[in-house]
Amino acid sequence: MRYHSDQITVNNILQFGYISRSGDVVTKDDFLDQPPAGAALTAYDEAHLKLYVRLLDADAEKADWREVVEVLFGLDAKAEPERAQRIYTSHLDRAKLMTKSGFCELLQGRLH
């Protein structure tokens, strides 16, 4: 599966971004270089759930990380290779951690 930036264009206004669960538009300016640490679900995680799912999908499809970071984060991996790799890796690691703990916490909160 290939990812194209036109798949995440929001209302043809932004080149990069998506709508979060809360309805906010998330753009490249909304990403931390390192997501929060620890197993507990954070507000940052909740705001980036869609990103985490897309990262996990891209990883499962063996998509090139440089293309993924450009599409999902709006970063040019050629211009900022170290930062792009760090952001991609740290967010993918966080997404994987959320599959073990954070998503369960999210669901428990919705069921009670």
N, C-alpha and C. Protein backbone atom coordinates (compact mmCIF):
# COMPACT_ATOMS: atom_id res chain seq x y z
N MET A 1 0.84 -1.17 0.00
CA MET A 1 0.00 0.00 0.00
C MET A 1 0.88 1.24 0.00
N ARG A 2 0.58 2.16 -0.86
CA ARG A 2 1.34 3.40 -0.93
C ARG A 2 0.50 4.51 -0.35
N TYR A 3 1.16 5.43 0.32
CA TYR A 3 0.48 6.57 0.92
C TYR A 3 0.78 7.81 0.10
N HIS A 4 -0.24 8.57 -0.15
CA HIS A 4 -0.07 9.79 -0.92
C HIS A 4 -0.61 10.96 -0.11
N SER A 5 0.03 12.09 -0.22
CA SER A 5 -0.38 13.24 0.58
C SER A 5 -1.81 13.66 0.28
N ASP A 6 -2.31 13.39 -0.92
CA ASP A 6 -3.68 13.78 -1.22
C ASP A 6 -4.69 12.97 -0.42
N GLN A 7 -4.26 11.86 0.19
CA GLN A 7 -5.16 11.06 1.01
C GLN A 7 -5.41 11.70 2.36
N ILE A 8 -4.60 12.65 2.77
CA ILE A 8 -4.79 13.26 4.08
C ILE A 8 -5.02 14.76 3.98
N THR A 9 -5.32 15.24 2.81
CA THR A 9 -5.64 16.65 2.67
C THR A 9 -6.95 16.92 3.39
N VAL A 10 -6.99 17.94 4.19
CA VAL A 10 -8.18 18.28 4.95
C VAL A 10 -8.88 19.44 4.27
N ASN A 11 -10.06 19.19 3.73
CA ASN A 11 -10.87 20.22 3.09
C ASN A 11 -10.09 21.02 2.04
N ASN A 12 -9.10 20.42 1.44
CA ASN A 12 -8.28 21.06 0.42
C ASN A 12 -7.65 22.36 0.91
N ILE A 13 -7.56 22.52 2.22
CA ILE A 13 -6.94 23.73 2.78
C ILE A 13 -5.51 23.45 3.19
N LEU A 14 -5.29 22.33 3.84
CA LEU A 14 -3.97 21.97 4.33
C LEU A 14 -3.35 20.91 3.44
N GLN A 15 -2.07 20.99 3.24
CA GLN A 15 -1.41 19.93 2.50
C GLN A 15 -1.25 18.70 3.36
N PHE A 16 -0.93 18.90 4.63
CA PHE A 16 -0.73 17.79 5.55
C PHE A 16 -1.61 17.99 6.76
N GLY A 17 -2.21 16.91 7.23
CA GLY A 17 -2.99 16.98 8.45
C GLY A 17 -4.13 15.99 8.43
N TYR A 18 -4.85 15.95 9.53
CA TYR A 18 -6.02 15.10 9.65
C TYR A 18 -6.88 15.62 10.78
N ILE A 19 -8.10 15.11 10.88
CA ILE A 19 -9.02 15.50 11.94
C ILE A 19 -8.85 14.53 13.10
N SER A 20 -8.60 15.04 14.30
CA SER A 20 -8.44 14.19 15.49
C SER A 20 -9.81 13.75 15.99
N ARG A 21 -9.81 12.85 16.97
CA ARG A 21 -11.07 12.39 17.55
C ARG A 21 -11.87 13.54 18.14
N SER A 22 -11.21 14.54 18.63
CA SER A 22 -11.90 15.68 19.24
C SER A 22 -12.42 16.66 18.19
N GLY A 23 -12.11 16.39 16.91
CA GLY A 23 -12.57 17.26 15.83
C GLY A 23 -11.58 18.35 15.45
N ASP A 24 -10.44 18.38 16.14
CA ASP A 24 -9.42 19.38 15.83
C ASP A 24 -8.61 18.95 14.62
N VAL A 25 -8.16 19.92 13.84
CA VAL A 25 -7.26 19.62 12.73
C VAL A 25 -5.85 19.50 13.29
N VAL A 26 -5.21 18.38 13.03
CA VAL A 26 -3.84 18.13 13.50
C VAL A 26 -2.90 18.31 12.31
N THR A 27 -1.91 19.17 12.47
CA THR A 27 -0.93 19.41 11.41
C THR A 27 0.46 19.12 11.92
N LYS A 28 1.45 19.27 11.04
CA LYS A 28 2.83 18.97 11.43
C LYS A 28 3.30 19.80 12.62
N ASP A 29 2.69 20.94 12.84
CA ASP A 29 3.07 21.78 13.97
C ASP A 29 2.56 21.24 15.30
N ASP A 30 1.68 20.24 15.26
CA ASP A 30 1.09 19.67 16.47
C ASP A 30 1.84 18.46 17.00
N PHE A 31 2.92 18.06 16.36
CA PHE A 31 3.65 16.87 16.77
C PHE A 31 4.87 17.22 17.60
N LEU A 32 5.05 16.49 18.68
CA LEU A 32 6.28 16.60 19.47
C LEU A 32 7.36 15.77 18.79
N ASP A 33 8.61 16.15 18.95
CA ASP A 33 9.69 15.32 18.43
C ASP A 33 9.71 13.97 19.13
N GLN A 34 9.36 13.96 20.40
CA GLN A 34 9.27 12.72 21.19
C GLN A 34 7.90 12.71 21.86
N PRO A 35 7.07 11.70 21.62
CA PRO A 35 5.79 11.64 22.33
C PRO A 35 6.02 11.38 23.81
N PRO A 36 5.00 11.52 24.64
CA PRO A 36 5.15 11.27 26.08
C PRO A 36 5.66 9.86 26.36
N ALA A 37 6.35 9.71 27.47
CA ALA A 37 6.86 8.40 27.88
C ALA A 37 5.89 7.79 28.89
N GLY A 38 6.07 6.51 29.15
CA GLY A 38 5.24 5.82 30.14
C GLY A 38 4.07 5.11 29.49
N ALA A 39 3.50 4.18 30.23
CA ALA A 39 2.43 3.35 29.69
C ALA A 39 1.06 4.00 29.76
N ALA A 40 0.89 5.03 30.59
CA ALA A 40 -0.42 5.65 30.75
C ALA A 40 -0.81 6.46 29.52
N LEU A 41 -2.07 6.40 29.17
CA LEU A 41 -2.63 7.17 28.07
C LEU A 41 -2.62 8.65 28.45
N THR A 42 -2.15 9.50 27.56
CA THR A 42 -2.08 10.94 27.82
C THR A 42 -3.01 11.69 26.87
N ALA A 43 -3.20 12.97 27.13
CA ALA A 43 -4.00 13.80 26.23
C ALA A 43 -3.36 13.84 24.84
N TYR A 44 -2.03 13.85 24.80
CA TYR A 44 -1.32 13.83 23.51
C TYR A 44 -1.67 12.55 22.74
N ASP A 45 -1.68 11.42 23.45
CA ASP A 45 -2.02 10.15 22.81
C ASP A 45 -3.45 10.18 22.26
N GLU A 46 -4.37 10.67 23.06
CA GLU A 46 -5.77 10.73 22.62
C GLU A 46 -5.90 11.61 21.38
N ALA A 47 -5.18 12.71 21.35
CA ALA A 47 -5.23 13.61 20.20
C ALA A 47 -4.60 13.00 18.95
N HIS A 48 -3.74 11.98 19.13
CA HIS A 48 -3.01 11.40 18.01
C HIS A 48 -3.34 9.93 17.76
N LEU A 49 -4.49 9.47 18.22
CA LEU A 49 -4.87 8.07 18.01
C LEU A 49 -4.91 7.70 16.53
N LYS A 50 -5.47 8.57 15.72
CA LYS A 50 -5.55 8.28 14.29
C LYS A 50 -4.14 8.16 13.69
N LEU A 51 -3.24 9.03 14.11
CA LEU A 51 -1.85 8.95 13.66
C LEU A 51 -1.25 7.60 14.03
N TYR A 52 -1.45 7.17 15.27
CA TYR A 52 -0.89 5.90 15.73
C TYR A 52 -1.40 4.74 14.88
N VAL A 53 -2.69 4.74 14.59
CA VAL A 53 -3.26 3.67 13.77
C VAL A 53 -2.67 3.70 12.37
N ARG A 54 -2.52 4.88 11.81
CA ARG A 54 -1.94 4.99 10.47
C ARG A 54 -0.47 4.56 10.46
N LEU A 55 0.26 4.87 11.53
CA LEU A 55 1.65 4.42 11.63
C LEU A 55 1.72 2.90 11.71
N LEU A 56 0.85 2.30 12.50
CA LEU A 56 0.83 0.84 12.62
C LEU A 56 0.46 0.19 11.29
N ASP A 57 -0.49 0.77 10.57
CA ASP A 57 -0.86 0.25 9.24
C ASP A 57 0.32 0.35 8.28
N ALA A 58 0.99 1.49 8.27
CA ALA A 58 2.13 1.69 7.37
C ALA A 58 3.25 0.71 7.71
N ASP A 59 3.49 0.49 9.00
CA ASP A 59 4.51 -0.45 9.43
C ASP A 59 4.16 -1.87 9.00
N ALA A 60 2.91 -2.25 9.14
CA ALA A 60 2.47 -3.59 8.73
C ALA A 60 2.61 -3.78 7.22
N GLU A 61 2.44 -2.70 6.48
CA GLU A 61 2.56 -2.75 5.02
C GLU A 61 4.01 -2.59 4.55
N LYS A 62 4.94 -2.42 5.50
CA LYS A 62 6.36 -2.22 5.18
C LYS A 62 6.59 -0.98 4.32
N ALA A 63 5.78 0.05 4.56
CA ALA A 63 5.94 1.30 3.82
C ALA A 63 7.28 1.95 4.18
N ASP A 64 7.88 2.63 3.25
CA ASP A 64 9.14 3.33 3.48
C ASP A 64 8.92 4.43 4.52
N TRP A 65 9.73 4.44 5.56
CA TRP A 65 9.55 5.39 6.65
C TRP A 65 9.64 6.83 6.18
N ARG A 66 10.46 7.09 5.15
CA ARG A 66 10.62 8.46 4.65
C ARG A 66 9.32 8.97 4.02
N GLU A 67 8.65 8.09 3.31
CA GLU A 67 7.37 8.46 2.71
C GLU A 67 6.31 8.65 3.79
N VAL A 68 6.32 7.77 4.77
CA VAL A 68 5.34 7.85 5.87
C VAL A 68 5.51 9.15 6.65
N VAL A 69 6.75 9.50 6.96
CA VAL A 69 6.99 10.72 7.75
C VAL A 69 6.60 11.96 6.95
N GLU A 70 6.76 11.91 5.65
CA GLU A 70 6.34 13.05 4.83
C GLU A 70 4.83 13.17 4.81
N VAL A 71 4.14 12.05 4.62
CA VAL A 71 2.68 12.08 4.52
C VAL A 71 2.02 12.36 5.87
N LEU A 72 2.43 11.65 6.90
CA LEU A 72 1.75 11.76 8.19
C LEU A 72 2.21 12.94 9.04
N PHE A 73 3.48 13.29 8.94
CA PHE A 73 4.01 14.37 9.78
C PHE A 73 4.28 15.65 9.00
N GLY A 74 4.25 15.58 7.68
CA GLY A 74 4.53 16.77 6.88
C GLY A 74 5.98 17.19 6.91
N LEU A 75 6.88 16.23 7.14
CA LEU A 75 8.31 16.52 7.23
C LEU A 75 9.04 16.00 6.00
N ASP A 76 10.08 16.70 5.61
CA ASP A 76 10.92 16.29 4.50
C ASP A 76 12.11 15.52 5.07
N ALA A 77 12.11 14.21 4.88
CA ALA A 77 13.17 13.36 5.42
C ALA A 77 14.53 13.67 4.79
N LYS A 78 14.54 14.23 3.60
CA LYS A 78 15.82 14.59 2.97
C LYS A 78 16.40 15.84 3.61
N ALA A 79 15.55 16.77 3.97
CA ALA A 79 16.01 18.03 4.57
C ALA A 79 16.40 17.87 6.03
N GLU A 80 15.67 17.01 6.76
CA GLU A 80 15.92 16.80 8.19
C GLU A 80 15.94 15.31 8.50
N PRO A 81 16.92 14.57 7.97
CA PRO A 81 16.88 13.11 8.11
C PRO A 81 16.92 12.60 9.55
N GLU A 82 17.75 13.19 10.39
CA GLU A 82 17.84 12.70 11.78
C GLU A 82 16.56 12.98 12.55
N ARG A 83 16.06 14.19 12.41
CA ARG A 83 14.81 14.55 13.11
C ARG A 83 13.64 13.72 12.58
N ALA A 84 13.55 13.58 11.27
CA ALA A 84 12.46 12.80 10.69
C ALA A 84 12.49 11.36 11.18
N GLN A 85 13.67 10.76 11.22
CA GLN A 85 13.81 9.39 11.71
C GLN A 85 13.43 9.29 13.18
N ARG A 86 13.88 10.26 13.97
CA ARG A 86 13.57 10.27 15.41
C ARG A 86 12.06 10.39 15.65
N ILE A 87 11.41 11.29 14.93
CA ILE A 87 9.97 11.48 15.10
C ILE A 87 9.22 10.23 14.66
N TYR A 88 9.60 9.68 13.52
CA TYR A 88 8.94 8.47 13.03
C TYR A 88 9.11 7.32 14.03
N THR A 89 10.33 7.06 14.42
CA THR A 89 10.61 5.92 15.31
C THR A 89 9.94 6.08 16.67
N SER A 90 10.04 7.27 17.24
CA SER A 90 9.47 7.47 18.58
C SER A 90 7.94 7.36 18.56
N HIS A 91 7.31 7.87 17.52
CA HIS A 91 5.85 7.78 17.44
C HIS A 91 5.39 6.36 17.10
N LEU A 92 6.14 5.66 16.28
CA LEU A 92 5.80 4.26 16.00
C LEU A 92 5.96 3.42 17.26
N ASP A 93 7.03 3.64 18.00
CA ASP A 93 7.21 2.93 19.27
C ASP A 93 6.07 3.23 20.23
N ARG A 94 5.65 4.48 20.28
CA ARG A 94 4.53 4.86 21.15
C ARG A 94 3.24 4.19 20.68
N ALA A 95 3.02 4.13 19.38
CA ALA A 95 1.83 3.47 18.85
C ALA A 95 1.81 2.00 19.24
N LYS A 96 2.97 1.35 19.14
CA LYS A 96 3.06 -0.06 19.52
C LYS A 96 2.79 -0.24 21.02
N LEU A 97 3.31 0.66 21.83
CA LEU A 97 3.06 0.60 23.27
C LEU A 97 1.57 0.78 23.57
N MET A 98 0.93 1.66 22.85
CA MET A 98 -0.50 1.90 23.07
C MET A 98 -1.34 0.66 22.77
N THR A 99 -0.86 -0.18 21.86
CA THR A 99 -1.61 -1.41 21.57
C THR A 99 -1.56 -2.37 22.75
N LYS A 100 -0.56 -2.21 23.61
CA LYS A 100 -0.42 -3.09 24.76
C LYS A 100 -1.10 -2.54 26.00
N SER A 101 -1.21 -1.22 26.12
CA SER A 101 -1.77 -0.67 27.35
C SER A 101 -2.74 0.49 27.12
N GLY A 102 -2.35 1.44 26.35
CA GLY A 102 -3.12 2.67 26.21
C GLY A 102 -4.50 2.50 25.62
N PHE A 103 -4.63 1.68 24.58
CA PHE A 103 -5.94 1.50 23.96
C PHE A 103 -6.89 0.81 24.91
N CYS A 104 -6.39 -0.11 25.73
CA CYS A 104 -7.22 -0.78 26.73
C CYS A 104 -7.73 0.24 27.73
N GLU A 105 -6.86 1.13 28.16
CA GLU A 105 -7.24 2.20 29.09
C GLU A 105 -8.31 3.09 28.47
N LEU A 106 -8.16 3.39 27.20
CA LEU A 106 -9.13 4.21 26.50
C LEU A 106 -10.49 3.52 26.47
N LEU A 107 -10.51 2.24 26.14
CA LEU A 107 -11.77 1.50 26.07
C LEU A 107 -12.42 1.36 27.43
N GLN A 108 -11.64 1.14 28.47
CA GLN A 108 -12.20 1.03 29.82
C GLN A 108 -12.90 2.32 30.22
N GLY A 109 -12.32 3.42 29.88
CA GLY A 109 -12.92 4.71 30.19
C GLY A 109 -14.23 4.93 29.46
N ARG A 110 -14.37 4.37 28.28
CA ARG A 110 -15.58 4.52 27.48
C ARG A 110 -16.69 3.57 27.95
N LEU A 111 -16.31 2.46 28.57
CA LEU A 111 -17.29 1.46 28.98
C LEU A 111 -17.88 1.76 30.34
N HIS A 112 -17.26 2.60 31.13
CA HIS A 112 -17.75 2.88 32.49
C HIS A 112 -18.46 4.19 32.56
